[in-house]
C-alpha atoms as a PDB file:
ATOM      1  CA  MET A   1      98.364  25.004  10.710  1.00  0.00           C
ATOM      2  CA  ASN A   2      96.750  23.077   7.958  1.00  0.00           C
ATOM      3  CA  ALA A   3      94.834  25.111   5.386  1.00  0.00           C
ATOM      4  CA  ASP A   4      91.945  22.649   5.314  1.00  0.00           C
ATOM      5  CA  ILE A   5      91.208  23.104   8.985  1.00  0.00           C
ATOM      6  CA  ARG A   6      91.232  26.888   8.669  1.00  0.00           C
ATOM      7  CA  ASN A   7      88.725  26.771   5.800  1.00  0.00           C
ATOM      8  CA  TRP A   8      86.324  24.505   7.606  1.00  0.00           C
ATOM      9  CA  LYS A   9      83.019  26.078   8.493  1.00  0.00           C
ATOM     10  CA  PRO A  10      80.250  24.572  10.604  1.00  0.00           C
ATOM     11  CA  GLY A  11      77.370  23.236   8.513  1.00  0.00           C
ATOM     12  CA  ARG A  12      79.547  22.712   5.460  1.00  0.00           C
ATOM     13  CA  LYS A  13      79.525  19.050   4.272  1.00  0.00           C
ATOM     14  CA  ASN A  14      82.658  17.275   3.289  1.00  0.00           C
ATOM     15  CA  THR A  15      81.869  15.768  -0.148  1.00  0.00           C
ATOM     16  CA  ALA A  16      84.768  13.320  -0.266  1.00  0.00           C
ATOM     17  CA  GLY A  17      83.883   9.564   0.268  1.00  0.00           C
ATOM     18  CA  PHE A  18      80.562   7.720   0.546  1.00  0.00           C
ATOM     19  CA  SER A  19      77.767   8.019   3.044  1.00  0.00           C
ATOM     20  CA  LEU A  20      76.565   5.053   5.071  1.00  0.00           C
ATOM     21  CA  VAL A  21      73.331   4.887   3.052  1.00  0.00           C
ATOM     22  CA  GLU A  22      75.254   4.735  -0.232  1.00  0.00           C
ATOM     23  CA  LEU A  23      77.451   1.921   1.103  1.00  0.00           C
ATOM     24  CA  LEU A  24      74.419  -0.083   2.264  1.00  0.00           C
ATOM     25  CA  VAL A  25      72.681   0.301  -1.105  1.00  0.00           C
ATOM     26  CA  ALA A  26      75.841  -0.820  -2.934  1.00  0.00           C
ATOM     27  CA  PHE A  27      76.261  -3.781  -0.562  1.00  0.00           C
ATOM     28  CA  PHE A  28      72.678  -5.004  -1.062  1.00  0.00           C
ATOM     29  CA  ALA A  29      72.920  -4.587  -4.847  1.00  0.00           C
ATOM     30  CA  ALA A  30      76.141  -6.638  -4.883  1.00  0.00           C
ATOM     31  CA  ALA A  31      74.524  -9.278  -2.632  1.00  0.00           C
ATOM     32  CA  ILE A  32      71.535  -9.624  -4.983  1.00  0.00           C
ATOM     33  CA  ILE A  33      73.835 -10.005  -7.995  1.00  0.00           C
ATOM     34  CA  ALA A  34      75.970 -12.603  -6.177  1.00  0.00           C
ATOM     35  CA  LEU A  35      72.929 -14.623  -5.038  1.00  0.00           C
ATOM     36  CA  THR A  36      71.455 -14.569  -8.554  1.00  0.00           C
ATOM     37  CA  ALA A  37      74.743 -15.758 -10.043  1.00  0.00           C
ATOM     38  CA  GLY A  38      74.983 -18.525  -7.426  1.00  0.00           C
ATOM     39  CA  ALA A  39      71.427 -19.684  -8.127  1.00  0.00           C
ATOM     40  CA  LEU A  40      72.136 -19.786 -11.871  1.00  0.00           C
ATOM     41  CA  LEU A  41      75.292 -21.828 -11.311  1.00  0.00           C
ATOM     42  CA  HIS A  42      73.418 -24.252  -9.060  1.00  0.00           C
ATOM     43  CA  MET A  43      70.605 -24.729 -11.595  1.00  0.00           C
ATOM     44  CA  SER A  44      73.127 -25.181 -14.415  1.00  0.00           C
ATOM     45  CA  PHE A  45      75.044 -27.830 -12.481  1.00  0.00           C
ATOM     46  CA  ALA A  46      71.834 -29.678 -11.528  1.00  0.00           C
ATOM     47  CA  SER A  47      70.708 -29.670 -15.159  1.00  0.00           C
ATOM     48  CA  TRP A  48      74.085 -30.916 -16.341  1.00  0.00           C
ATOM     49  CA  THR A  49      73.996 -33.727 -13.745  1.00  0.00           C
ATOM     50  CA  ARG A  50      70.525 -34.857 -14.867  1.00  0.00           C
ATOM     51  CA  GLY A  51      71.602 -34.790 -18.512  1.00  0.00           C
ATOM     52  CA  HIS A  52      74.764 -36.723 -17.728  1.00  0.00           C
ATOM     53  CA  SER A  53      72.736 -39.361 -15.846  1.00  0.00           C
ATOM     54  CA  ALA A  54      70.377 -39.756 -18.793  1.00  0.00           C
ATOM     55  CA  VAL A  55      73.319 -40.132 -21.184  1.00  0.00           C
ATOM     56  CA  ASP A  56      74.876 -42.803 -18.947  1.00  0.00           C
ATOM     57  CA  LEU A  57      71.669 -44.856 -18.946  1.00  0.00           C
ATOM     58  CA  GLN A  58      71.220 -44.487 -22.696  1.00  0.00           C
ATOM     59  CA  ARG A  59      74.828 -45.573 -23.245  1.00  0.00           C
ATOM     60  CA  ASP A  60      74.327 -48.669 -21.090  1.00  0.00           C
ATOM     61  CA  LEU A  61      71.020 -49.473 -22.780  1.00  0.00           C
ATOM     62  CA  THR A  62      72.632 -49.161 -26.206  1.00  0.00           C
ATOM     63  CA  ALA A  63      75.478 -51.472 -25.161  1.00  0.00           C
ATOM     64  CA  VAL A  64      73.030 -54.123 -23.936  1.00  0.00           C
ATOM     65  CA  THR A  65      70.826 -53.986 -27.032  1.00  0.00           C
ATOM     66  CA  GLN A  66      73.826 -54.198 -29.377  1.00  0.00           C
ATOM     67  CA  LEU A  67      75.177 -57.141 -27.401  1.00  0.00           C
ATOM     68  CA  LEU A  68      71.800 -58.925 -27.495  1.00  0.00           C
ATOM     69  CA  ASN A  69      71.457 -58.334 -31.229  1.00  0.00           C
ATOM     70  CA  GLY A  70      74.968 -59.664 -31.802  1.00  0.00           C
ATOM     71  CA  MET A  71      74.330 -62.752 -29.681  1.00  0.00           C
ATOM     72  CA  LEU A  72      70.872 -63.625 -30.972  1.00  0.00           C
ATOM     73  CA  ARG A  73      70.608 -62.562 -34.617  1.00  0.00           C
ATOM     74  CA  GLU A  74      72.728 -65.396 -35.995  1.00  0.00           C
ATOM     75  CA  ALA A  75      71.322 -67.990 -33.590  1.00  0.00           C
ATOM     76  CA  SER A  76      68.505 -70.422 -34.171  1.00  0.00           C
ATOM     77  CA  THR A  77      65.862 -71.688 -31.777  1.00  0.00           C
ATOM     78  CA  THR A  78      67.951 -74.757 -30.893  1.00  0.00           C
ATOM     79  CA  ASP A  79      71.046 -72.638 -30.099  1.00  0.00           C
ATOM     80  CA  VAL A  80      69.396 -70.479 -27.436  1.00  0.00           C
ATOM     81  CA  THR A  81      68.587 -71.340 -23.827  1.00  0.00           C
ATOM     82  CA  VAL A  82      66.594 -68.781 -21.841  1.00  0.00           C
ATOM     83  CA  SER A  83      66.040 -68.823 -18.086  1.00  0.00           C
ATOM     84  CA  ALA A  84      64.655 -66.238 -15.669  1.00  0.00           C
ATOM     85  CA  THR A  85      68.022 -64.480 -15.298  1.00  0.00           C
ATOM     86  CA  GLU A  86      70.143 -65.419 -18.305  1.00  0.00           C
ATOM     87  CA  ILE A  87      70.346 -65.953 -22.029  1.00  0.00           C
ATOM     88  CA  GLU A  88      72.789 -68.554 -23.322  1.00  0.00           C
ATOM     89  CA  VAL A  89      73.721 -69.049 -26.980  1.00  0.00           C
ATOM     90  CA  ASP A  90      75.645 -72.154 -28.087  1.00  0.00           C
ATOM     91  CA  ASP A  91      76.648 -71.860 -31.734  1.00  0.00           C
ATOM     92  CA  GLY A  92      78.707 -75.063 -31.694  1.00  0.00           C
ATOM     93  CA  ALA A  93      82.087 -73.342 -31.367  1.00  0.00           C
ATOM     94  CA  LEU A  94      81.442 -71.075 -28.375  1.00  0.00           C
ATOM     95  CA  THR A  95      78.830 -70.758 -25.685  1.00  0.00           C
ATOM     96  CA  LYS A  96      78.032 -67.102 -24.876  1.00  0.00           C
ATOM     97  CA  LYS A  97      76.005 -66.083 -21.865  1.00  0.00           C
ATOM     98  CA  LEU A  98      74.396 -62.883 -20.588  1.00  0.00           C
ATOM     99  CA  THR A  99      73.530 -63.125 -16.896  1.00  0.00           C
ATOM    100  CA  TYR A 100      71.523 -60.799 -14.658  1.00  0.00           C
ATOM    101  CA  ASN A 101      72.734 -60.540 -11.064  1.00  0.00           C
ATOM    102  CA  SER A 102      69.735 -59.137  -9.200  1.00  0.00           C
ATOM    103  CA  GLY A 103      71.653 -58.664  -5.942  1.00  0.00           C
ATOM    104  CA  ALA A 104      74.202 -56.367  -7.581  1.00  0.00           C
ATOM    105  CA  GLY A 105      71.845 -55.013 -10.243  1.00  0.00           C
ATOM    106  CA  SER A 106      74.340 -55.878 -12.969  1.00  0.00           C
ATOM    107  CA  LEU A 107      74.464 -57.596 -16.349  1.00  0.00           C
ATOM    108  CA  VAL A 108      77.527 -59.749 -16.981  1.00  0.00           C
ATOM    109  CA  TYR A 109      78.526 -61.064 -20.408  1.00  0.00           C
ATOM    110  CA  ASP A 110      80.655 -64.188 -20.780  1.00  0.00           C
ATOM    111  CA  PRO A 111      81.857 -64.493 -24.407  1.00  0.00           C
ATOM    112  CA  ASP A 112      83.091 -68.061 -23.866  1.00  0.00           C
ATOM    113  CA  THR A 113      81.759 -70.081 -20.928  1.00  0.00           C
ATOM    114  CA  GLY A 114      84.484 -72.668 -21.523  1.00  0.00           C
ATOM    115  CA  THR A 115      87.162 -70.129 -20.574  1.00  0.00           C
ATOM    116  CA  GLY A 116      87.215 -68.671 -17.090  1.00  0.00           C
ATOM    117  CA  GLY A 117      88.044 -65.073 -16.221  1.00  0.00           C
ATOM    118  CA  ASP A 118      86.814 -63.485 -19.443  1.00  0.00           C
ATOM    119  CA  GLU A 119      83.510 -62.179 -18.054  1.00  0.00           C
ATOM    120  CA  ILE A 120      82.663 -58.539 -18.798  1.00  0.00           C
ATOM    121  CA  THR A 121      80.316 -56.462 -16.651  1.00  0.00           C
ATOM    122  CA  ILE A 122      78.218 -54.586 -19.210  1.00  0.00           C
ATOM    123  CA  VAL A 123      76.065 -52.661 -16.718  1.00  0.00           C
ATOM    124  CA  SER A 124      76.851 -52.414 -13.028  1.00  0.00           C
ATOM    125  CA  ALA A 125      74.433 -51.444 -10.254  1.00  0.00           C
ATOM    126  CA  ASN A 126      71.756 -49.820 -12.447  1.00  0.00           C
ATOM    127  CA  VAL A 127      69.655 -52.753 -13.648  1.00  0.00           C
ATOM    128  CA  GLN A 128      66.267 -52.977 -11.934  1.00  0.00           C
ATOM    129  CA  THR A 129      64.732 -55.800 -13.987  1.00  0.00           C
ATOM    130  CA  PHE A 130      65.929 -58.140 -16.709  1.00  0.00           C
ATOM    131  CA  THR A 131      63.326 -60.586 -17.960  1.00  0.00           C
ATOM    132  CA  PRO A 132      64.129 -62.680 -21.038  1.00  0.00           C
ATOM    133  CA  THR A 133      61.357 -64.794 -22.536  1.00  0.00           C
ATOM    134  CA  ALA A 134      61.826 -67.396 -25.263  1.00  0.00           C
ATOM    135  CA  LEU A 135      59.546 -67.019 -28.263  1.00  0.00           C
ATOM    136  CA  GLY A 136      59.236 -69.379 -31.200  1.00  0.00           C
ATOM    137  CA  THR A 137      61.276 -67.158 -33.524  1.00  0.00           C
ATOM    138  CA  GLY A 138      63.305 -65.097 -31.079  1.00  0.00           C
ATOM    139  CA  VAL A 139      63.642 -63.749 -27.567  1.00  0.00           C
ATOM    140  CA  ARG A 140      61.678 -60.992 -25.829  1.00  0.00           C
ATOM    141  CA  VAL A 141      63.730 -58.935 -23.373  1.00  0.00           C
ATOM    142  CA  GLN A 142      62.263 -56.587 -20.810  1.00  0.00           C
ATOM    143  CA  LEU A 143      64.957 -54.411 -19.265  1.00  0.00           C
ATOM    144  CA  ALA A 144      64.612 -51.520 -16.821  1.00  0.00           C
ATOM    145  CA  MET A 145      67.517 -49.457 -15.535  1.00  0.00           C
ATOM    146  CA  GLN A 146      67.606 -46.678 -12.980  1.00  0.00           C
ATOM    147  CA  ASN A 147      70.223 -44.418 -11.445  1.00  0.00           C
ATOM    148  CA  ALA A 148      69.920 -41.538  -8.977  1.00  0.00           C
ATOM    149  CA  ASN A 149      68.170 -39.187 -11.411  1.00  0.00           C
ATOM    150  CA  GLU A 150      66.745 -41.148 -14.343  1.00  0.00           C
ATOM    151  CA  THR A 151      64.860 -44.303 -15.263  1.00  0.00           C
ATOM    152  CA  THR A 152      64.674 -45.993 -18.655  1.00  0.00           C
ATOM    153  CA  ALA A 153      63.203 -49.258 -19.885  1.00  0.00           C
ATOM    154  CA  ILE A 154      62.808 -51.300 -23.049  1.00  0.00           C
ATOM    155  CA  ASN A 155      60.617 -54.159 -24.135  1.00  0.00           C
ATOM    156  CA  ALA A 156      62.290 -55.571 -27.249  1.00  0.00           C
ATOM    157  CA  VAL A 157      61.981 -58.677 -29.374  1.00  0.00           C
ATOM    158  CA  VAL A 158      65.116 -59.965 -31.087  1.00  0.00           C
ATOM    159  CA  THR A 159      64.220 -62.271 -33.962  1.00  0.00           C
ATOM    160  CA  PHE A 160      66.454 -65.114 -35.095  1.00  0.00           C
ATOM    161  CA  ARG A 161      67.628 -64.944 -38.716  1.00  0.00           C
ATOM    162  CA  ASN A 162      68.148 -68.703 -39.026  1.00  0.00           C
END
């Protein structure tokens, strides 16, 4: 016969293992830690996504403003044609054009309108408004862009040097 069975006495507790109450307390503590960690991960990912969206819009806005400065700075009043949806610069050698496609929400740059197939989409699907206005010494551009999380806009005047 086993020695453990012979030494067993009624009313004596077996101290090996965990009680049901101890297991439940440990389970709920682990559940709280897991839920807290999950909430922190979710908030971190949401914050990263918002930051990434803002960076994307700022990158696109920077690309458009640099392109506009490059197109317009060396132009003169007679070189530039402005309509409701496009800016065209004819410097004698090349005709460059920036066009807003409101249906697609995109800005397309054509570095040489005389050559087909060289158009570059600068911003796709994020442009809400693009309003160029001819001024006596330059061009005013109002541009608003929006994606799922962020909105940004500029109202800039590019002055001709010539």
